[in-house]
Amino acid sequence: MFEDIKAVFNRDPAAKNIFEVLLCYPGFHALLAYRVAHFLHTRFKIPLIPRIISQIASFFTGVEIHPGAKIGKGFFIDHGTGVVIGETTEIGNYVTLYQGVTLGGTGKERGKRHPTIGNGAVIGVGAVVLGNIKIGNNVRVGAGSVVVKPVPNDCTVVGVPGRIVVQNGKKVPLLTLNHSDLPDPIVERLKSLQSELEEVERCIKCWRKNMEREQCDVLSGGR
């Protein structure tokens, strides 16, 4: 628990003192309830009580963490509302999630069906990571991204579906947790489509001019 409290101070400049963290941070409350539920779930194999604890915590915090998930130390949920973490999710150490993040499955398959998140990962607002895939260490997932394929270490992923835009050694603005300054592949594609449409319009204009010349030639010949 000490590492979880320390993570709040390290990653949220708004945190002023330990009493504020203990009393006013729903993400920490949800994590604390998870730690208890997970202990009961794994040590005593109690199926119902851990789920009840999880649902009560979800009601009060807006964060749903299945007791079966595995979460490392130094975990931080910023704000927290709308975060969902599935049963077979595995999260490494010092991971940060922002509000609205979903770590979910892709269907009704059994066994390992949720993602594995590596150490030091940061997953931005509203991002969705689905299926039994591995997200590597120090990966940054941009806000609103949908990730359905594995991501290697030290990458930045953005877009729908998510694609890698930075990898291995390049400077990443997200290293300071500023996940609002990311390239947008959707905007890039729209710009590309606009260029293609402009080229089509130019071709149509040329074709019309040629047709008008041919009509003029025909009329002139007829006279």
Protein backbone atom coordinates (compact mmCIF):
# COMPACT_ATOMS: atom_id res chain seq x y z
CA MET A 1 0.00 0.00 0.00
CA PHE A 2 2.91 2.35 0.70
CA GLU A 3 4.06 2.11 -2.94
CA ASP A 4 0.51 2.89 -4.12
CA ILE A 5 0.36 6.01 -1.93
CA LYS A 6 3.80 7.05 -3.09
CA ALA A 7 2.68 6.65 -6.71
CA VAL A 8 -0.08 9.21 -6.19
CA PHE A 9 2.39 11.83 -4.95
CA ASN A 10 4.87 11.05 -7.73
CA ARG A 11 2.35 11.29 -10.56
CA ASP A 12 -0.31 13.75 -9.45
CA PRO A 13 0.85 17.32 -8.73
CA ALA A 14 -2.54 18.05 -7.12
CA ALA A 15 -1.83 15.69 -4.21
CA LYS A 16 -0.95 17.84 -1.18
CA ASN A 17 -0.75 15.43 1.76
CA ILE A 18 -1.39 11.84 2.76
CA PHE A 19 -4.77 12.61 4.35
CA GLU A 20 -6.02 14.04 1.08
CA VAL A 21 -4.93 10.90 -0.74
CA LEU A 22 -6.53 8.59 1.81
CA LEU A 23 -9.83 10.49 1.90
CA CYS A 24 -10.31 12.08 -1.53
CA TYR A 25 -8.89 9.78 -4.21
CA PRO A 26 -11.47 7.29 -5.56
CA GLY A 27 -8.83 5.52 -7.65
CA PHE A 28 -6.86 4.77 -4.50
CA HIS A 29 -10.03 3.67 -2.68
CA ALA A 30 -10.83 1.26 -5.50
CA LEU A 31 -7.28 -0.09 -5.46
CA LEU A 32 -7.40 -0.58 -1.70
CA ALA A 33 -10.67 -2.52 -2.00
CA TYR A 34 -9.12 -4.57 -4.81
CA ARG A 35 -6.11 -5.48 -2.65
CA VAL A 36 -8.45 -6.90 0.01
CA ALA A 37 -10.70 -8.67 -2.50
CA HIS A 38 -7.72 -10.12 -4.38
CA PHE A 39 -6.23 -11.46 -1.15
CA LEU A 40 -9.48 -13.27 -0.33
CA HIS A 41 -9.84 -14.45 -3.91
CA THR A 42 -6.34 -15.97 -4.15
CA ARG A 43 -5.57 -17.11 -0.61
CA PHE A 44 -8.93 -18.44 0.56
CA LYS A 45 -10.59 -19.16 -2.81
CA ILE A 46 -13.77 -17.42 -1.68
CA PRO A 47 -15.83 -16.84 -4.84
CA LEU A 48 -18.59 -14.50 -3.66
CA ILE A 49 -17.27 -12.14 -1.00
CA PRO A 50 -14.46 -10.71 -3.18
CA ARG A 51 -16.99 -9.95 -5.93
CA ILE A 52 -19.26 -8.22 -3.41
CA ILE A 53 -16.34 -6.07 -2.25
CA SER A 54 -15.52 -5.28 -5.88
CA GLN A 55 -19.09 -4.25 -6.68
CA ILE A 56 -19.39 -2.07 -3.58
CA ALA A 57 -16.13 -0.34 -4.50
CA SER A 58 -17.36 0.11 -8.07
CA PHE A 59 -20.58 1.71 -6.82
CA PHE A 60 -18.75 4.29 -4.70
CA THR A 61 -15.72 4.97 -6.91
CA GLY A 62 -16.80 4.31 -10.50
CA VAL A 63 -13.82 1.94 -10.88
CA GLU A 64 -14.46 -1.76 -11.55
CA ILE A 65 -11.55 -4.10 -10.84
CA HIS A 66 -12.18 -7.83 -10.88
CA PRO A 67 -10.66 -9.56 -7.81
CA GLY A 68 -8.94 -12.07 -10.09
CA ALA A 69 -6.83 -9.43 -11.84
CA LYS A 70 -3.14 -9.24 -10.96
CA ILE A 71 -1.82 -5.74 -10.25
CA GLY A 72 1.76 -4.87 -9.29
CA LYS A 73 3.05 -2.21 -6.91
CA GLY A 74 2.99 1.52 -7.47
CA PHE A 75 -0.25 1.37 -9.46
CA PHE A 76 -2.04 4.70 -10.00
CA ILE A 77 -5.53 5.43 -11.35
CA ASP A 78 -5.92 9.15 -12.02
CA HIS A 79 -9.51 10.37 -11.43
CA GLY A 80 -10.75 6.84 -12.10
CA THR A 81 -14.36 7.17 -13.24
CA GLY A 82 -15.21 4.55 -15.84
CA VAL A 83 -12.09 2.41 -15.46
CA VAL A 84 -12.75 -1.32 -16.02
CA ILE A 85 -10.14 -4.04 -15.41
CA GLY A 86 -11.09 -7.59 -16.38
CA GLU A 87 -10.57 -10.86 -14.51
CA THR A 88 -7.43 -12.18 -16.22
CA THR A 89 -5.74 -8.81 -16.66
CA GLU A 90 -2.12 -8.67 -15.50
CA ILE A 91 -0.60 -5.27 -14.70
CA GLY A 92 3.08 -4.72 -13.91
CA ASN A 93 4.70 -2.26 -11.55
CA TYR A 94 4.32 1.53 -11.66
CA VAL A 95 1.55 1.57 -14.25
CA THR A 96 -0.74 4.59 -14.67
CA LEU A 97 -4.32 4.53 -15.97
CA TYR A 98 -6.45 7.58 -16.63
CA GLN A 99 -10.23 7.81 -16.46
CA GLY A 100 -12.36 5.77 -18.81
CA VAL A 101 -9.73 3.12 -19.56
CA THR A 102 -10.95 -0.40 -20.34
CA LEU A 103 -8.73 -3.47 -20.09
CA GLY A 104 -11.18 -6.01 -21.41
CA GLY A 105 -11.81 -9.18 -23.36
CA THR A 106 -13.03 -9.64 -26.91
CA GLY A 107 -15.70 -12.30 -26.48
CA LYS A 108 -16.83 -15.28 -24.44
CA GLU A 109 -13.57 -17.23 -24.64
CA ARG A 110 -12.28 -18.78 -21.43
CA GLY A 111 -8.86 -18.80 -19.87
CA LYS A 112 -6.51 -15.83 -20.36
CA ARG A 113 -8.67 -13.36 -22.26
CA HIS A 114 -7.55 -9.94 -20.99
CA PRO A 115 -4.38 -7.94 -21.67
CA THR A 116 -1.03 -8.03 -19.90
CA ILE A 117 0.39 -4.57 -19.23
CA GLY A 118 4.14 -4.16 -18.73
CA ASN A 119 5.99 -2.10 -16.13
CA GLY A 120 5.82 1.68 -16.35
CA ALA A 121 3.05 1.81 -18.94
CA VAL A 122 0.78 4.86 -19.21
CA ILE A 123 -2.70 4.40 -20.72
CA GLY A 124 -4.49 7.62 -21.62
CA VAL A 125 -8.05 8.85 -21.12
CA GLY A 126 -10.72 6.63 -22.66
CA ALA A 127 -8.25 4.17 -24.19
CA VAL A 128 -9.35 0.57 -24.74
CA VAL A 129 -7.03 -2.44 -24.69
CA LEU A 130 -8.75 -5.68 -25.66
CA GLY A 131 -7.91 -9.37 -25.69
CA ASN A 132 -5.08 -11.61 -24.58
CA ILE A 133 -2.32 -9.31 -25.84
CA LYS A 134 0.87 -8.05 -24.27
CA ILE A 135 1.60 -4.35 -23.90
CA GLY A 136 5.32 -3.96 -23.26
CA ASN A 137 7.25 -2.02 -20.65
CA ASN A 138 7.14 1.78 -20.77
CA VAL A 139 4.47 1.82 -23.47
CA ARG A 140 2.34 4.95 -23.85
CA VAL A 141 -1.21 4.52 -25.19
CA GLY A 142 -2.77 7.76 -26.39
CA ALA A 143 -6.16 9.02 -25.27
CA GLY A 144 -9.10 7.37 -27.05
CA SER A 145 -6.97 4.69 -28.71
CA VAL A 146 -8.19 1.14 -29.29
CA VAL A 147 -5.41 -1.43 -29.03
CA VAL A 148 -6.07 -5.01 -30.17
CA LYS A 149 -2.55 -6.13 -31.13
CA PRO A 150 0.60 -6.66 -29.03
CA VAL A 151 2.90 -3.68 -28.53
CA PRO A 152 6.66 -4.06 -27.90
CA ASN A 153 8.59 -2.19 -25.21
CA ASP A 154 9.21 1.57 -25.32
CA CYS A 155 6.53 2.48 -27.86
CA THR A 156 3.81 5.09 -28.21
CA VAL A 157 0.51 3.89 -29.66
CA VAL A 158 -2.33 6.09 -30.91
CA GLY A 159 -5.47 5.85 -33.03
CA VAL A 160 -8.33 3.50 -33.84
CA PRO A 161 -7.15 0.85 -34.32
CA GLY A 162 -3.99 1.66 -32.39
CA ARG A 163 -0.71 1.89 -34.29
CA ILE A 164 2.84 2.53 -33.15
CA VAL A 165 4.02 6.07 -33.85
CA VAL A 166 7.18 6.20 -31.71
CA GLN A 167 9.54 3.37 -30.87
CA ASN A 168 12.93 2.80 -29.24
CA GLY A 169 14.89 5.79 -28.14
CA LYS A 170 13.01 8.66 -29.75
CA LYS A 171 11.85 11.52 -27.58
CA VAL A 172 8.26 10.97 -26.42
CA PRO A 173 6.23 13.86 -24.87
CA LEU A 174 4.35 11.27 -22.83
CA LEU A 175 7.39 10.65 -20.65
CA THR A 176 6.07 13.58 -18.61
CA LEU A 177 2.55 12.05 -18.64
CA ASN A 178 1.42 14.74 -21.09
CA HIS A 179 -0.69 12.45 -23.26
CA SER A 180 -2.56 15.30 -25.00
CA ASP A 181 0.28 16.09 -27.43
CA LEU A 182 0.15 13.06 -29.72
CA PRO A 183 -0.05 12.73 -33.51
CA ASP A 184 -3.50 11.69 -34.74
CA PRO A 185 -3.51 9.09 -37.55
CA ILE A 186 -7.19 9.80 -38.25
CA VAL A 187 -6.45 13.46 -38.97
CA GLU A 188 -3.50 12.41 -41.14
CA ARG A 189 -5.73 10.09 -43.16
CA LEU A 190 -8.39 12.78 -43.58
CA LYS A 191 -5.74 15.14 -44.94
CA SER A 192 -4.65 12.43 -47.37
CA LEU A 193 -8.26 11.92 -48.51
CA GLN A 194 -8.65 15.66 -49.00
CA SER A 195 -5.58 15.72 -51.27
CA GLU A 196 -6.97 12.80 -53.26
CA LEU A 197 -10.33 14.55 -53.68
CA GLU A 198 -8.63 17.72 -54.86
CA GLU A 199 -6.73 15.68 -57.47
CA VAL A 200 -9.98 14.09 -58.65
CA GLU A 201 -11.59 17.53 -58.94
CA ARG A 202 -8.66 18.76 -61.06
CA CYS A 203 -9.04 15.76 -63.37
CA ILE A 204 -12.78 16.40 -63.75
CA LYS A 205 -12.15 20.07 -64.60
CA CYS A 206 -9.59 19.08 -67.24
CA TRP A 207 -12.02 16.54 -68.70
CA ARG A 208 -14.79 19.17 -68.88
CA LYS A 209 -12.49 21.64 -70.64
CA ASN A 210 -11.53 19.00 -73.19
CA MET A 211 -15.19 18.15 -73.79
CA GLU A 212 -16.03 21.84 -74.28
CA ARG A 213 -13.19 22.21 -76.82
CA GLU A 214 -14.37 19.16 -78.76
CA GLN A 215 -17.93 20.53 -78.84
CA CYS A 216 -16.65 23.88 -80.09
CA ASP A 217 -14.61 22.14 -82.78
CA VAL A 218 -17.67 20.14 -83.89
CA LEU A 219 -19.83 23.27 -84.06
CA SER A 220 -17.17 25.20 -85.94
CA GLY A 221 -16.83 22.41 -88.48
CA GLY A 222 -20.56 22.30 -88.97
CA ARG A 223 -20.65 25.95 -90.03
